[in-house]
Every structure is written in C-alpha cells, then in structure tokens.
PDB file of N, CA and C in Angstrom:
ATOM      1  N   UNK A   1      36.090   6.777  58.885  1.00  0.00           N
ATOM      2  CA  UNK A   1      36.879   7.355  59.951  1.00  0.00           C
ATOM      3  C   UNK A   1      38.170   6.532  60.061  1.00  0.00           C
ATOM      4  N   UNK A   2      39.288   7.186  60.251  1.00  0.00           N
ATOM      5  CA  UNK A   2      40.565   6.470  60.329  1.00  0.00           C
ATOM      6  C   UNK A   2      40.644   5.513  61.516  1.00  0.00           C
ATOM      7  N   UNK A   3      41.402   4.464  61.321  1.00  0.00           N
ATOM      8  CA  UNK A   3      41.669   3.477  62.355  1.00  0.00           C
ATOM      9  C   UNK A   3      43.130   3.620  62.777  1.00  0.00           C
ATOM     10  N   UNK A   4      43.401   3.408  64.051  1.00  0.00           N
ATOM     11  CA  UNK A   4      44.756   3.472  64.579  1.00  0.00           C
ATOM     12  C   UNK A   4      45.022   2.229  65.410  1.00  0.00           C
ATOM     13  N   UNK A   5      46.282   1.823  65.461  1.00  0.00           N
ATOM     14  CA  UNK A   5      46.716   0.730  66.327  1.00  0.00           C
ATOM     15  C   UNK A   5      47.748   1.295  67.277  1.00  0.00           C
ATOM     16  N   UNK A   6      47.604   0.957  68.561  1.00  0.00           N
ATOM     17  CA  UNK A   6      48.566   1.366  69.570  1.00  0.00           C
ATOM     18  C   UNK A   6      49.010   0.108  70.302  1.00  0.00           C
ATOM     19  N   UNK A   7      50.310  -0.108  70.325  1.00  0.00           N
ATOM     20  CA  UNK A   7      50.870  -1.279  71.012  1.00  0.00           C
ATOM     21  C   UNK A   7      51.379  -0.851  72.371  1.00  0.00           C
ATOM     22  N   UNK A   8      50.771  -1.413  73.419  1.00  0.00           N
ATOM     23  CA  UNK A   8      51.240  -1.178  74.780  1.00  0.00           C
ATOM     24  C   UNK A   8      52.033  -2.398  75.214  1.00  0.00           C
ATOM     25  N   UNK A   9      52.557  -2.369  76.398  1.00  0.00           N
ATOM     26  CA  UNK A   9      53.300  -3.545  76.875  1.00  0.00           C
ATOM     27  C   UNK A   9      52.375  -4.727  77.095  1.00  0.00           C
ATOM     28  N   UNK A  10      51.100  -4.473  77.352  1.00  0.00           N
ATOM     29  CA  UNK A  10      50.147  -5.547  77.637  1.00  0.00           C
ATOM     30  C   UNK A  10      49.461  -6.086  76.390  1.00  0.00           C
ATOM     31  N   UNK A  11      49.096  -5.215  75.440  1.00  0.00           N
ATOM     32  CA  UNK A  11      48.355  -5.670  74.271  1.00  0.00           C
ATOM     33  C   UNK A  11      48.409  -4.629  73.155  1.00  0.00           C
ATOM     34  N   UNK A  12      47.724  -4.950  72.056  1.00  0.00           N
ATOM     35  CA  UNK A  12      47.589  -4.013  70.941  1.00  0.00           C
ATOM     36  C   UNK A  12      46.140  -3.564  70.897  1.00  0.00           C
ATOM     37  N   UNK A  13      45.918  -2.262  70.869  1.00  0.00           N
ATOM     38  CA  UNK A  13      44.565  -1.708  70.885  1.00  0.00           C
ATOM     39  C   UNK A  13      44.230  -1.125  69.528  1.00  0.00           C
ATOM     40  N   UNK A  14      43.035  -1.392  69.038  1.00  0.00           N
ATOM     41  CA  UNK A  14      42.509  -0.790  67.813  1.00  0.00           C
ATOM     42  C   UNK A  14      41.577   0.337  68.226  1.00  0.00           C
ATOM     43  N   UNK A  15      41.809   1.528  67.680  1.00  0.00           N
ATOM     44  CA  UNK A  15      41.036   2.697  68.079  1.00  0.00           C
ATOM     45  C   UNK A  15      40.564   3.440  66.836  1.00  0.00           C
ATOM     46  N   UNK A  16      39.293   3.823  66.827  1.00  0.00           N
ATOM     47  CA  UNK A  16      38.741   4.643  65.752  1.00  0.00           C
ATOM     48  C   UNK A  16      38.759   6.084  66.236  1.00  0.00           C
ATOM     49  N   UNK A  17      39.409   6.955  65.469  1.00  0.00           N
ATOM     50  CA  UNK A  17      39.518   8.358  65.846  1.00  0.00           C
ATOM     51  C   UNK A  17      39.739   9.197  64.592  1.00  0.00           C
ATOM     52  N   UNK A  18      39.524  10.517  64.711  1.00  0.00           N
ATOM     53  CA  UNK A  18      39.760  11.422  63.593  1.00  0.00           C
ATOM     54  C   UNK A  18      41.241  11.670  63.364  1.00  0.00           C
ATOM     55  N   UNK A  19      41.994  11.777  64.469  1.00  0.00           N
ATOM     56  CA  UNK A  19      43.425  12.070  64.329  1.00  0.00           C
ATOM     57  C   UNK A  19      44.190  11.585  65.541  1.00  0.00           C
ATOM     58  N   UNK A  20      45.501  11.486  65.371  1.00  0.00           N
ATOM     59  CA  UNK A  20      46.400  11.067  66.434  1.00  0.00           C
ATOM     60  C   UNK A  20      47.435  12.163  66.622  1.00  0.00           C
ATOM     61  N   UNK A  21      47.793  12.416  67.877  1.00  0.00           N
ATOM     62  CA  UNK A  21      48.765  13.454  68.185  1.00  0.00           C
ATOM     63  C   UNK A  21      49.798  12.904  69.161  1.00  0.00           C
ATOM     64  N   UNK A  22      51.065  13.055  68.802  1.00  0.00           N
ATOM     65  CA  UNK A  22      52.137  12.670  69.713  1.00  0.00           C
ATOM     66  C   UNK A  22      52.441  13.878  70.591  1.00  0.00           C
ATOM     67  N   UNK A  23      52.384  13.702  71.895  1.00  0.00           N
ATOM     68  CA  UNK A  23      52.632  14.779  72.846  1.00  0.00           C
ATOM     69  C   UNK A  23      53.818  14.390  73.719  1.00  0.00           C
ATOM     70  N   UNK A  24      54.294  15.339  74.493  1.00  0.00           N
ATOM     71  CA  UNK A  24      55.440  15.086  75.364  1.00  0.00           C
ATOM     72  C   UNK A  24      55.182  13.933  76.331  1.00  0.00           C
ATOM     73  N   UNK A  25      53.938  13.810  76.779  1.00  0.00           N
ATOM     74  CA  UNK A  25      53.610  12.777  77.752  1.00  0.00           C
ATOM     75  C   UNK A  25      53.071  11.494  77.154  1.00  0.00           C
ATOM     76  N   UNK A  26      53.078  11.330  75.835  1.00  0.00           N
ATOM     77  CA  UNK A  26      52.563  10.109  75.228  1.00  0.00           C
ATOM     78  C   UNK A  26      51.885  10.383  73.903  1.00  0.00           C
ATOM     79  N   UNK A  27      50.825   9.628  73.652  1.00  0.00           N
ATOM     80  CA  UNK A  27      50.069   9.784  72.406  1.00  0.00           C
ATOM     81  C   UNK A  27      48.590   9.947  72.766  1.00  0.00           C
ATOM     82  N   UNK A  28      47.909  10.839  72.030  1.00  0.00           N
ATOM     83  CA  UNK A  28      46.481  11.066  72.248  1.00  0.00           C
ATOM     84  C   UNK A  28      45.749  10.894  70.935  1.00  0.00           C
ATOM     85  N   UNK A  29      44.540  10.337  71.013  1.00  0.00           N
ATOM     86  CA  UNK A  29      43.697  10.155  69.835  1.00  0.00           C
ATOM     87  C   UNK A  29      42.416  10.942  70.041  1.00  0.00           C
ATOM     88  N   UNK A  30      42.017  11.686  68.996  1.00  0.00           N
ATOM     89  CA  UNK A  30      40.887  12.595  69.081  1.00  0.00           C
ATOM     90  C   UNK A  30      39.794  12.205  68.097  1.00  0.00           C
ATOM     91  N   UNK A  31      38.553  12.450  68.504  1.00  0.00           N
ATOM     92  CA  UNK A  31      37.399  12.307  67.633  1.00  0.00           C
ATOM     93  C   UNK A  31      36.457  13.456  67.957  1.00  0.00           C
ATOM     94  N   UNK A  32      36.081  14.207  66.932  1.00  0.00           N
ATOM     95  CA  UNK A  32      35.213  15.367  67.085  1.00  0.00           C
ATOM     96  C   UNK A  32      35.757  16.344  68.124  1.00  0.00           C
ATOM     97  N   UNK A  33      37.086  16.521  68.139  1.00  0.00           N
ATOM     98  CA  UNK A  33      37.718  17.479  69.033  1.00  0.00           C
ATOM     99  C   UNK A  33      37.909  17.026  70.461  1.00  0.00           C
ATOM    100  N   UNK A  34      37.489  15.816  70.785  1.00  0.00           N
ATOM    101  CA  UNK A  34      37.611  15.302  72.152  1.00  0.00           C
ATOM    102  C   UNK A  34      38.587  14.133  72.191  1.00  0.00           C
ATOM    103  N   UNK A  35      39.288  13.994  73.292  1.00  0.00           N
ATOM    104  CA  UNK A  35      40.216  12.879  73.471  1.00  0.00           C
ATOM    105  C   UNK A  35      39.398  11.608  73.682  1.00  0.00           C
ATOM    106  N   UNK A  36      39.644  10.590  72.825  1.00  0.00           N
ATOM    107  CA  UNK A  36      38.941   9.314  72.981  1.00  0.00           C
ATOM    108  C   UNK A  36      39.862   8.245  73.557  1.00  0.00           C
ATOM    109  N   UNK A  37      41.181   8.483  73.484  1.00  0.00           N
ATOM    110  CA  UNK A  37      42.148   7.558  74.076  1.00  0.00           C
ATOM    111  C   UNK A  37      43.460   8.303  74.277  1.00  0.00           C
ATOM    112  N   UNK A  38      44.173   7.951  75.326  1.00  0.00           N
ATOM    113  CA  UNK A  38      45.479   8.547  75.599  1.00  0.00           C
ATOM    114  C   UNK A  38      46.365   7.484  76.234  1.00  0.00           C
ATOM    115  N   UNK A  39      47.613   7.457  75.831  1.00  0.00           N
ATOM    116  CA  UNK A  39      48.570   6.480  76.351  1.00  0.00           C
ATOM    117  C   UNK A  39      49.847   7.206  76.745  1.00  0.00           C
ATOM    118  N   UNK A  40      50.277   7.028  77.992  1.00  0.00           N
ATOM    119  CA  UNK A  40      51.538   7.618  78.421  1.00  0.00           C
ATOM    120  C   UNK A  40      52.681   6.628  78.202  1.00  0.00           C
ATOM    121  N   UNK A  41      52.341   5.344  78.179  1.00  0.00           N
ATOM    122  CA  UNK A  41      53.342   4.305  77.915  1.00  0.00           C
ATOM    123  C   UNK A  41      52.864   3.469  76.738  1.00  0.00           C
ATOM    124  N   UNK A  42      53.631   3.466  75.680  1.00  0.00           N
ATOM    125  CA  UNK A  42      53.293   2.671  74.509  1.00  0.00           C
ATOM    126  C   UNK A  42      54.579   2.332  73.783  1.00  0.00           C
ATOM    127  N   UNK A  43      54.547   1.268  72.996  1.00  0.00           N
ATOM    128  CA  UNK A  43      55.720   0.856  72.240  1.00  0.00           C
ATOM    129  C   UNK A  43      55.718   1.475  70.853  1.00  0.00           C
ATOM    130  N   UNK A  44      54.541   1.519  70.230  1.00  0.00           N
ATOM    131  CA  UNK A  44      54.385   2.191  68.939  1.00  0.00           C
ATOM    132  C   UNK A  44      52.919   2.507  68.699  1.00  0.00           C
ATOM    133  N   UNK A  45      52.693   3.446  67.793  1.00  0.00           N
ATOM    134  CA  UNK A  45      51.338   3.828  67.405  1.00  0.00           C
ATOM    135  C   UNK A  45      51.365   4.131  65.917  1.00  0.00           C
ATOM    136  N   UNK A  46      50.333   3.681  65.197  1.00  0.00           N
ATOM    137  CA  UNK A  46      50.302   3.902  63.756  1.00  0.00           C
ATOM    138  C   UNK A  46      48.872   4.004  63.255  1.00  0.00           C
ATOM    139  N   UNK A  47      48.712   4.694  62.119  1.00  0.00           N
ATOM    140  CA  UNK A  47      47.420   4.737  61.450  1.00  0.00           C
ATOM    141  C   UNK A  47      47.325   3.522  60.543  1.00  0.00           C
ATOM    142  N   UNK A  48      46.185   2.867  60.553  1.00  0.00           N
ATOM    143  CA  UNK A  48      45.953   1.703  59.706  1.00  0.00           C
ATOM    144  C   UNK A  48      45.364   2.204  58.391  1.00  0.00           C
ATOM    145  N   UNK A  49      46.061   1.944  57.301  1.00  0.00           N
ATOM    146  CA  UNK A  49      45.587   2.367  55.989  1.00  0.00           C
ATOM    147  C   UNK A  49      44.823   1.214  55.365  1.00  0.00           C
ATOM    148  N   UNK A  50      43.544   1.438  55.116  1.00  0.00           N
ATOM    149  CA  UNK A  50      42.690   0.407  54.521  1.00  0.00           C
ATOM    150  C   UNK A  50      42.698   0.618  53.022  1.00  0.00           C
ATOM    151  N   UNK A  51      43.178  -0.382  52.311  1.00  0.00           N
ATOM    152  CA  UNK A  51      43.194  -0.307  50.850  1.00  0.00           C
ATOM    153  C   UNK A  51      41.953  -0.991  50.316  1.00  0.00           C
ATOM    154  N   UNK A  52      41.190  -0.243  49.536  1.00  0.00           N
ATOM    155  CA  UNK A  52      39.979  -0.803  48.954  1.00  0.00           C
ATOM    156  C   UNK A  52      40.322  -1.452  47.624  1.00  0.00           C
ATOM    157  N   UNK A  53      39.678  -2.584  47.363  1.00  0.00           N
ATOM    158  CA  UNK A  53      39.870  -3.262  46.087  1.00  0.00           C
ATOM    159  C   UNK A  53      39.228  -2.426  44.988  1.00  0.00           C
ATOM    160  N   UNK A  54      39.921  -2.227  43.868  1.00  0.00           N
ATOM    161  CA  UNK A  54      39.314  -1.444  42.788  1.00  0.00           C
ATOM    162  C   UNK A  54      38.125  -2.175  42.177  1.00  0.00           C
ATOM    163  N   UNK A  55      37.125  -1.417  41.775  1.00  0.00           N
ATOM    164  CA  UNK A  55      35.948  -1.980  41.129  1.00  0.00           C
ATOM    165  C   UNK A  55      36.298  -2.307  39.687  1.00  0.00           C
ATOM    166  N   UNK A  56      36.058  -3.538  39.237  1.00  0.00           N
ATOM    167  CA  UNK A  56      36.390  -3.881  37.850  1.00  0.00           C
ATOM    168  C   UNK A  56      35.573  -3.044  36.867  1.00  0.00           C
ATOM    169  N   UNK A  57      36.250  -2.540  35.853  1.00  0.00           N
ATOM    170  CA  UNK A  57      35.598  -1.739  34.825  1.00  0.00           C
ATOM    171  C   UNK A  57      35.608  -2.554  33.541  1.00  0.00           C
ATOM    172  N   UNK A  58      34.433  -2.743  32.913  1.00  0.00           N
ATOM    173  CA  UNK A  58      34.417  -3.527  31.676  1.00  0.00           C
ATOM    174  C   UNK A  58      35.222  -2.815  30.587  1.00  0.00           C
ATOM    175  N   UNK A  59      35.891  -3.612  29.768  1.00  0.00           N
ATOM    176  CA  UNK A  59      36.677  -3.051  28.681  1.00  0.00           C
ATOM    177  C   UNK A  59      35.744  -2.467  27.627  1.00  0.00           C
ATOM    178  N   UNK A  60      36.241  -1.466  26.924  1.00  0.00           N
ATOM    179  CA  UNK A  60      35.443  -0.844  25.860  1.00  0.00           C
ATOM    180  C   UNK A  60      35.123  -1.885  24.800  1.00  0.00           C
ATOM    181  N   UNK A  61      33.870  -1.908  24.356  1.00  0.00           N
ATOM    182  CA  UNK A  61      33.457  -2.848  23.317  1.00  0.00           C
ATOM    183  C   UNK A  61      33.042  -4.201  23.849  1.00  0.00           C
ATOM    184  N   UNK A  62      33.207  -4.437  25.156  1.00  0.00           N
ATOM    185  CA  UNK A  62      32.803  -5.745  25.696  1.00  0.00           C
ATOM    186  C   UNK A  62      31.302  -5.742  25.921  1.00  0.00           C
ATOM    187  N   UNK A  63      30.741  -6.912  25.926  1.00  0.00           N
ATOM    188  CA  UNK A  63      29.304  -7.091  26.079  1.00  0.00           C
ATOM    189  C   UNK A  63      29.024  -7.368  27.564  1.00  0.00           C
ATOM    190  N   UNK A  64      28.413  -6.417  28.295  1.00  0.00           N
ATOM    191  CA  UNK A  64      28.127  -6.714  29.713  1.00  0.00           C
ATOM    192  C   UNK A  64      27.075  -7.806  29.838  1.00  0.00           C
ATOM    193  N   UNK A  65      27.143  -8.551  30.924  1.00  0.00           N
ATOM    194  CA  UNK A  65      26.184  -9.619  31.180  1.00  0.00           C
ATOM    195  C   UNK A  65      24.855  -8.995  31.570  1.00  0.00           C
ATOM    196  N   UNK A  66      23.778  -9.348  30.866  1.00  0.00           N
ATOM    197  CA  UNK A  66      22.471  -8.773  31.187  1.00  0.00           C
ATOM    198  C   UNK A  66      21.970  -9.300  32.521  1.00  0.00           C
ATOM    199  N   UNK A  67      21.214  -8.442  33.232  1.00  0.00           N
ATOM    200  CA  UNK A  67      20.624  -8.856  34.488  1.00  0.00           C
ATOM    201  C   UNK A  67      19.420  -9.734  34.223  1.00  0.00           C
ATOM    202  N   UNK A  68      19.245 -10.761  35.027  1.00  0.00           N
ATOM    203  CA  UNK A  68      18.113 -11.663  34.854  1.00  0.00           C
ATOM    204  C   UNK A  68      17.000 -11.190  35.782  1.00  0.00           C
ATOM    205  N   UNK A  69      15.830 -10.949  35.192  1.00  0.00           N
ATOM    206  CA  UNK A  69      14.674 -10.553  35.986  1.00  0.00           C
ATOM    207  C   UNK A  69      13.625 -11.653  35.895  1.00  0.00           C
ATOM    208  N   UNK A  70      12.967 -11.903  36.963  1.00  0.00           N
ATOM    209  CA  UNK A  70      11.966 -12.980  37.001  1.00  0.00           C
ATOM    210  C   UNK A  70      10.590 -12.416  37.071  1.00  0.00           C
TER     211      UNK A  70
END
C-alpha cells in the first residue's frame, strides 16, 4: 500500500493510504474508498516511493553455492 508524507506547520505525518487527492479545502487521503486523513492546512504532501533493491541474479555459467544440509 502506498505511503504518503504530509508536512504541517507542527510536524510531518506518515500516512498509509490507497490514494491522495488535492481538493479546494486541502488534501485528503483515502483507503478502501474512505477518508483516512484530511488536512486543510499543510505545507506540502507527497507520495513516498519505496525503491526495492534488485535481487542478484547469478551470471550464466557460474557455479551456485550449494546449500548445506545437516
């Protein structure tokens, strides 16, 4: 589920929601069609993009390390 950060004058809030919507009166965050957070005063709001580390793929012809079983 996407993560969002909203900076208010008091602090920065981390919110998990499906989507974010900018409205005339502020910003609203929704999850499963319901409002989970709303801010009428905020400095900025953004979606946090989590980059996953790629899984290493062995090169062709390399000898994988055998698993040790006891």
